[in-house]
C-alpha atoms as a PDB file:
ATOM      1  CA  UNK A   1     -54.620 -15.653 143.829  1.00  0.00           C
ATOM      2  CA  UNK A   2     -52.906 -17.751 141.185  1.00  0.00           C
ATOM      3  CA  UNK A   3     -50.534 -14.922 140.235  1.00  0.00           C
ATOM      4  CA  UNK A   4     -49.687 -14.312 143.894  1.00  0.00           C
ATOM      5  CA  UNK A   5     -48.754 -17.979 144.283  1.00  0.00           C
ATOM      6  CA  UNK A   6     -47.094 -18.693 140.950  1.00  0.00           C
ATOM      7  CA  UNK A   7     -45.759 -15.267 140.070  1.00  0.00           C
ATOM      8  CA  UNK A   8     -44.740 -14.027 143.496  1.00  0.00           C
ATOM      9  CA  UNK A   9     -44.287 -17.237 145.499  1.00  0.00           C
ATOM     10  CA  UNK A  10     -46.853 -16.456 148.200  1.00  0.00           C
ATOM     11  CA  UNK A  11     -48.356 -19.484 149.959  1.00  0.00           C
ATOM     12  CA  UNK A  12     -51.812 -20.623 148.863  1.00  0.00           C
ATOM     13  CA  UNK A  13     -53.181 -23.925 150.213  1.00  0.00           C
ATOM     14  CA  UNK A  14     -56.135 -23.882 147.823  1.00  0.00           C
ATOM     15  CA  UNK A  15     -54.033 -23.978 144.636  1.00  0.00           C
ATOM     16  CA  UNK A  16     -52.796 -27.395 143.464  1.00  0.00           C
ATOM     17  CA  UNK A  17     -49.492 -27.801 141.676  1.00  0.00           C
ATOM     18  CA  UNK A  18     -49.898 -27.800 137.906  1.00  0.00           C
ATOM     19  CA  UNK A  19     -47.550 -29.921 135.721  1.00  0.00           C
ATOM     20  CA  UNK A  20     -47.374 -27.037 133.235  1.00  0.00           C
ATOM     21  CA  UNK A  21     -46.178 -24.696 135.980  1.00  0.00           C
ATOM     22  CA  UNK A  22     -43.636 -27.147 137.395  1.00  0.00           C
ATOM     23  CA  UNK A  23     -42.260 -27.599 133.876  1.00  0.00           C
ATOM     24  CA  UNK A  24     -41.348 -23.915 133.657  1.00  0.00           C
ATOM     25  CA  UNK A  25     -38.084 -24.357 135.536  1.00  0.00           C
ATOM     26  CA  UNK A  26     -36.012 -26.463 137.882  1.00  0.00           C
ATOM     27  CA  UNK A  27     -36.204 -24.047 140.824  1.00  0.00           C
ATOM     28  CA  UNK A  28     -39.091 -22.093 142.293  1.00  0.00           C
ATOM     29  CA  UNK A  29     -37.396 -18.817 141.332  1.00  0.00           C
ATOM     30  CA  UNK A  30     -37.046 -19.917 137.698  1.00  0.00           C
ATOM     31  CA  UNK A  31     -40.688 -21.003 137.564  1.00  0.00           C
ATOM     32  CA  UNK A  32     -41.856 -17.708 139.087  1.00  0.00           C
ATOM     33  CA  UNK A  33     -39.786 -15.684 136.631  1.00  0.00           C
ATOM     34  CA  UNK A  34     -41.019 -17.692 133.622  1.00  0.00           C
ATOM     35  CA  UNK A  35     -44.604 -17.448 134.864  1.00  0.00           C
ATOM     36  CA  UNK A  36     -44.374 -13.654 135.259  1.00  0.00           C
ATOM     37  CA  UNK A  37     -42.893 -13.329 131.764  1.00  0.00           C
ATOM     38  CA  UNK A  38     -45.651 -15.511 130.338  1.00  0.00           C
ATOM     39  CA  UNK A  39     -48.321 -13.377 132.072  1.00  0.00           C
ATOM     40  CA  UNK A  40     -46.652 -10.185 130.766  1.00  0.00           C
ATOM     41  CA  UNK A  41     -46.629 -11.571 127.220  1.00  0.00           C
ATOM     42  CA  UNK A  42     -50.327 -12.444 127.472  1.00  0.00           C
ATOM     43  CA  UNK A  43     -51.127  -8.949 128.725  1.00  0.00           C
ATOM     44  CA  UNK A  44     -49.099  -7.417 125.873  1.00  0.00           C
ATOM     45  CA  UNK A  45     -51.019  -9.537 123.344  1.00  0.00           C
ATOM     46  CA  UNK A  46     -54.362  -8.503 124.825  1.00  0.00           C
ATOM     47  CA  UNK A  47     -53.327  -4.832 124.837  1.00  0.00           C
ATOM     48  CA  UNK A  48     -52.136  -5.096 121.231  1.00  0.00           C
ATOM     49  CA  UNK A  49     -55.388  -6.706 120.086  1.00  0.00           C
ATOM     50  CA  UNK A  50     -57.360  -4.120 122.069  1.00  0.00           C
ATOM     51  CA  UNK A  51     -55.474  -1.233 120.460  1.00  0.00           C
ATOM     52  CA  UNK A  52     -55.979  -2.703 117.008  1.00  0.00           C
ATOM     53  CA  UNK A  53     -59.688  -3.350 117.448  1.00  0.00           C
ATOM     54  CA  UNK A  54     -60.227   0.029 119.109  1.00  0.00           C
ATOM     55  CA  UNK A  55     -58.591   1.752 116.165  1.00  0.00           C
ATOM     56  CA  UNK A  56     -60.900   0.129 113.640  1.00  0.00           C
ATOM     57  CA  UNK A  57     -58.055  -1.764 112.046  1.00  0.00           C
ATOM     58  CA  UNK A  58     -59.836  -5.070 111.588  1.00  0.00           C
ATOM     59  CA  UNK A  59     -59.395  -4.602 107.869  1.00  0.00           C
ATOM     60  CA  UNK A  60     -55.631  -4.818 108.381  1.00  0.00           C
ATOM     61  CA  UNK A  61     -56.053  -8.394 109.557  1.00  0.00           C
ATOM     62  CA  UNK A  62     -58.014  -9.227 106.428  1.00  0.00           C
ATOM     63  CA  UNK A  63     -55.423  -7.564 104.194  1.00  0.00           C
ATOM     64  CA  UNK A  64     -52.683  -9.406 106.089  1.00  0.00           C
ATOM     65  CA  UNK A  65     -54.368 -12.767 105.624  1.00  0.00           C
ATOM     66  CA  UNK A  66     -54.942 -12.073 101.938  1.00  0.00           C
ATOM     67  CA  UNK A  67     -51.306 -11.025 101.675  1.00  0.00           C
ATOM     68  CA  UNK A  68     -50.134 -14.263 103.255  1.00  0.00           C
ATOM     69  CA  UNK A  69     -52.252 -16.229 100.802  1.00  0.00           C
ATOM     70  CA  UNK A  70     -50.704 -14.254  97.939  1.00  0.00           C
ATOM     71  CA  UNK A  71     -47.192 -14.900  99.264  1.00  0.00           C
ATOM     72  CA  UNK A  72     -47.918 -18.629  99.493  1.00  0.00           C
ATOM     73  CA  UNK A  73     -49.310 -18.561  95.959  1.00  0.00           C
ATOM     74  CA  UNK A  74     -46.219 -16.714  94.693  1.00  0.00           C
ATOM     75  CA  UNK A  75     -43.973 -19.168  96.489  1.00  0.00           C
ATOM     76  CA  UNK A  76     -45.806 -22.180  95.057  1.00  0.00           C
ATOM     77  CA  UNK A  77     -45.875 -20.817  91.506  1.00  0.00           C
ATOM     78  CA  UNK A  78     -42.182 -19.955  91.773  1.00  0.00           C
ATOM     79  CA  UNK A  79     -41.356 -23.596  92.531  1.00  0.00           C
ATOM     80  CA  UNK A  80     -42.541 -24.741  89.129  1.00  0.00           C
ATOM     81  CA  UNK A  81     -39.808 -22.631  87.523  1.00  0.00           C
ATOM     82  CA  UNK A  82     -37.056 -23.602  89.959  1.00  0.00           C
ATOM     83  CA  UNK A  83     -37.633 -27.338  89.450  1.00  0.00           C
ATOM     84  CA  UNK A  84     -36.580 -27.230  85.769  1.00  0.00           C
ATOM     85  CA  UNK A  85     -33.390 -28.923  84.750  1.00  0.00           C
ATOM     86  CA  UNK A  86     -30.674 -26.422  83.765  1.00  0.00           C
ATOM     87  CA  UNK A  87     -30.483 -27.647  80.158  1.00  0.00           C
ATOM     88  CA  UNK A  88     -34.103 -26.962  79.290  1.00  0.00           C
ATOM     89  CA  UNK A  89     -35.097 -23.573  78.028  1.00  0.00           C
ATOM     90  CA  UNK A  90     -38.630 -22.292  77.989  1.00  0.00           C
ATOM     91  CA  UNK A  91     -40.519 -23.064  74.845  1.00  0.00           C
ATOM     92  CA  UNK A  92     -41.055 -19.867  72.866  1.00  0.00           C
ATOM     93  CA  UNK A  93     -44.675 -18.961  72.458  1.00  0.00           C
ATOM     94  CA  UNK A  94     -46.152 -18.678  69.057  1.00  0.00           C
ATOM     95  CA  UNK A  95     -47.728 -15.374  68.146  1.00  0.00           C
ATOM     96  CA  UNK A  96     -51.187 -16.838  68.744  1.00  0.00           C
ATOM     97  CA  UNK A  97     -50.340 -18.025  72.291  1.00  0.00           C
ATOM     98  CA  UNK A  98     -48.930 -14.682  73.474  1.00  0.00           C
ATOM     99  CA  UNK A  99     -51.198 -12.701  75.786  1.00  0.00           C
ATOM    100  CA  UNK A 100     -53.211  -9.902  74.259  1.00  0.00           C
ATOM    101  CA  UNK A 101     -52.715  -6.313  75.323  1.00  0.00           C
ATOM    102  CA  UNK A 102     -55.820  -6.497  77.512  1.00  0.00           C
ATOM    103  CA  UNK A 103     -54.557  -9.716  79.136  1.00  0.00           C
ATOM    104  CA  UNK A 104     -51.214  -8.049  79.771  1.00  0.00           C
ATOM    105  CA  UNK A 105     -52.989  -5.036  81.298  1.00  0.00           C
ATOM    106  CA  UNK A 106     -54.903  -7.383  83.608  1.00  0.00           C
ATOM    107  CA  UNK A 107     -51.662  -9.097  84.668  1.00  0.00           C
ATOM    108  CA  UNK A 108     -50.144  -5.681  85.412  1.00  0.00           C
ATOM    109  CA  UNK A 109     -53.125  -4.682  87.574  1.00  0.00           C
ATOM    110  CA  UNK A 110     -53.032  -8.023  89.425  1.00  0.00           C
ATOM    111  CA  UNK A 111     -49.326  -7.547  90.067  1.00  0.00           C
ATOM    112  CA  UNK A 112     -49.896  -4.026  91.373  1.00  0.00           C
ATOM    113  CA  UNK A 113     -52.625  -5.294  93.699  1.00  0.00           C
ATOM    114  CA  UNK A 114     -50.359  -8.049  95.033  1.00  0.00           C
ATOM    115  CA  UNK A 115     -47.556  -5.510  95.491  1.00  0.00           C
ATOM    116  CA  UNK A 116     -49.831  -3.205  97.522  1.00  0.00           C
ATOM    117  CA  UNK A 117     -50.828  -6.122  99.744  1.00  0.00           C
ATOM    118  CA  UNK A 118     -47.175  -6.977 100.284  1.00  0.00           C
ATOM    119  CA  UNK A 119     -46.433  -3.326 101.109  1.00  0.00           C
ATOM    120  CA  UNK A 120     -49.070  -3.443 103.848  1.00  0.00           C
ATOM    121  CA  UNK A 121     -47.497  -6.609 105.274  1.00  0.00           C
ATOM    122  CA  UNK A 122     -44.002  -5.101 105.142  1.00  0.00           C
ATOM    123  CA  UNK A 123     -45.230  -1.934 106.891  1.00  0.00           C
ATOM    124  CA  UNK A 124     -46.904  -4.005 109.616  1.00  0.00           C
ATOM    125  CA  UNK A 125     -43.679  -5.969 110.088  1.00  0.00           C
ATOM    126  CA  UNK A 126     -41.712  -2.707 110.263  1.00  0.00           C
ATOM    127  CA  UNK A 127     -44.072  -1.438 112.984  1.00  0.00           C
ATOM    128  CA  UNK A 128     -43.624  -4.662 114.969  1.00  0.00           C
ATOM    129  CA  UNK A 129     -39.838  -4.421 114.557  1.00  0.00           C
ATOM    130  CA  UNK A 130     -39.886  -0.826 115.834  1.00  0.00           C
ATOM    131  CA  UNK A 131     -41.882  -1.997 118.855  1.00  0.00           C
ATOM    132  CA  UNK A 132     -39.323  -4.762 119.508  1.00  0.00           C
ATOM    133  CA  UNK A 133     -36.480  -2.256 119.186  1.00  0.00           C
ATOM    134  CA  UNK A 134     -38.116   0.139 121.668  1.00  0.00           C
ATOM    135  CA  UNK A 135     -38.685  -2.644 124.180  1.00  0.00           C
ATOM    136  CA  UNK A 136     -35.175  -4.052 123.734  1.00  0.00           C
ATOM    137  CA  UNK A 137     -33.639  -0.601 124.140  1.00  0.00           C
ATOM    138  CA  UNK A 138     -35.672  -0.055 127.306  1.00  0.00           C
ATOM    139  CA  UNK A 139     -34.654  -3.447 128.713  1.00  0.00           C
ATOM    140  CA  UNK A 140     -31.002  -2.827 127.941  1.00  0.00           C
ATOM    141  CA  UNK A 141     -31.088   0.651 129.518  1.00  0.00           C
ATOM    142  CA  UNK A 142     -32.761  -0.779 132.634  1.00  0.00           C
ATOM    143  CA  UNK A 143     -30.225  -3.599 132.926  1.00  0.00           C
ATOM    144  CA  UNK A 144     -32.930  -6.220 132.264  1.00  0.00           C
ATOM    145  CA  UNK A 145     -30.580  -8.483 130.317  1.00  0.00           C
ATOM    146  CA  UNK A 146     -32.732 -11.619 130.580  1.00  0.00           C
ATOM    147  CA  UNK A 147     -35.789  -9.813 129.235  1.00  0.00           C
ATOM    148  CA  UNK A 148     -33.678  -8.325 126.444  1.00  0.00           C
ATOM    149  CA  UNK A 149     -32.230 -11.726 125.541  1.00  0.00           C
ATOM    150  CA  UNK A 150     -35.698 -13.284 125.428  1.00  0.00           C
ATOM    151  CA  UNK A 151     -36.781 -10.809 122.725  1.00  0.00           C
ATOM    152  CA  UNK A 152     -33.721 -11.213 120.500  1.00  0.00           C
ATOM    153  CA  UNK A 153     -34.747 -14.537 118.826  1.00  0.00           C
ATOM    154  CA  UNK A 154     -38.246 -13.229 118.032  1.00  0.00           C
ATOM    155  CA  UNK A 155     -36.785  -9.997 116.685  1.00  0.00           C
ATOM    156  CA  UNK A 156     -34.285 -11.863 114.501  1.00  0.00           C
ATOM    157  CA  UNK A 157     -36.980 -14.222 113.191  1.00  0.00           C
ATOM    158  CA  UNK A 158     -39.189 -11.291 112.227  1.00  0.00           C
ATOM    159  CA  UNK A 159     -36.255  -9.539 110.513  1.00  0.00           C
ATOM    160  CA  UNK A 160     -35.661 -12.685 108.437  1.00  0.00           C
ATOM    161  CA  UNK A 161     -39.339 -12.982 107.508  1.00  0.00           C
ATOM    162  CA  UNK A 162     -39.460  -9.297 106.580  1.00  0.00           C
ATOM    163  CA  UNK A 163     -36.340  -9.585 104.405  1.00  0.00           C
ATOM    164  CA  UNK A 164     -37.729 -12.664 102.626  1.00  0.00           C
ATOM    165  CA  UNK A 165     -41.006 -10.872 101.953  1.00  0.00           C
ATOM    166  CA  UNK A 166     -39.159  -7.800 100.700  1.00  0.00           C
ATOM    167  CA  UNK A 167     -37.185  -9.973  98.242  1.00  0.00           C
ATOM    168  CA  UNK A 168     -40.459 -11.417  96.936  1.00  0.00           C
ATOM    169  CA  UNK A 169     -41.880  -7.900  96.720  1.00  0.00           C
ATOM    170  CA  UNK A 170     -38.837  -6.659  94.813  1.00  0.00           C
ATOM    171  CA  UNK A 171     -39.082  -9.569  92.348  1.00  0.00           C
ATOM    172  CA  UNK A 172     -42.769  -8.863  91.846  1.00  0.00           C
ATOM    173  CA  UNK A 173     -42.043  -5.180  91.138  1.00  0.00           C
ATOM    174  CA  UNK A 174     -39.416  -6.203  88.556  1.00  0.00           C
ATOM    175  CA  UNK A 175     -41.931  -8.556  86.937  1.00  0.00           C
ATOM    176  CA  UNK A 176     -44.643  -5.875  86.809  1.00  0.00           C
ATOM    177  CA  UNK A 177     -42.200  -3.292  85.412  1.00  0.00           C
ATOM    178  CA  UNK A 178     -41.179  -5.736  82.689  1.00  0.00           C
ATOM    179  CA  UNK A 179     -44.826  -6.232  81.735  1.00  0.00           C
ATOM    180  CA  UNK A 180     -45.408  -2.468  81.744  1.00  0.00           C
ATOM    181  CA  UNK A 181     -42.491  -2.017  79.317  1.00  0.00           C
ATOM    182  CA  UNK A 182     -43.926  -4.717  77.058  1.00  0.00           C
ATOM    183  CA  UNK A 183     -47.342  -3.101  77.235  1.00  0.00           C
ATOM    184  CA  UNK A 184     -45.986   0.394  76.506  1.00  0.00           C
ATOM    185  CA  UNK A 185     -43.944  -0.857  73.541  1.00  0.00           C
ATOM    186  CA  UNK A 186     -47.183  -1.838  71.805  1.00  0.00           C
ATOM    187  CA  UNK A 187     -46.745  -5.578  72.416  1.00  0.00           C
ATOM    188  CA  UNK A 188     -49.700  -7.527  71.157  1.00  0.00           C
END
């Protein structure tokens, strides 16, 4: 009944006006359109969650959350190096304070684990971007310009997030490769 009234504009004396609904637009047509789009987005979210849970991919959520925590940790540890004044150079470590080969091996393994988590996140973002592209292409082909335009900001935001994560991933790979070279050279 609510969808018939708010989404399609059919009369319903039992349904009171809701301030949330009236805030969706200045005209009844705008409110109906916004309401239908909101309902469609909710259905898409439910279908997406249903597909993910039906496919046994709950572990992907856990990996994603762990990955986000790792990204935040990387971001926060990176700030300590960016806040240095340009004239200060890092203090060279004495031989005794350098990590042992086993410590270096542990750092390499930790870096590889973080990189794999980031790869999972990047792949999930790529899948979401492909879904956006399919929907946008369909909207454009069907002449649904408003629907297309509503997806563009979300698509662009996700592209930016994906590119930022890929830069962090690339830096992490460089860091791990540097440690591998040190390890392979017999560094003690």
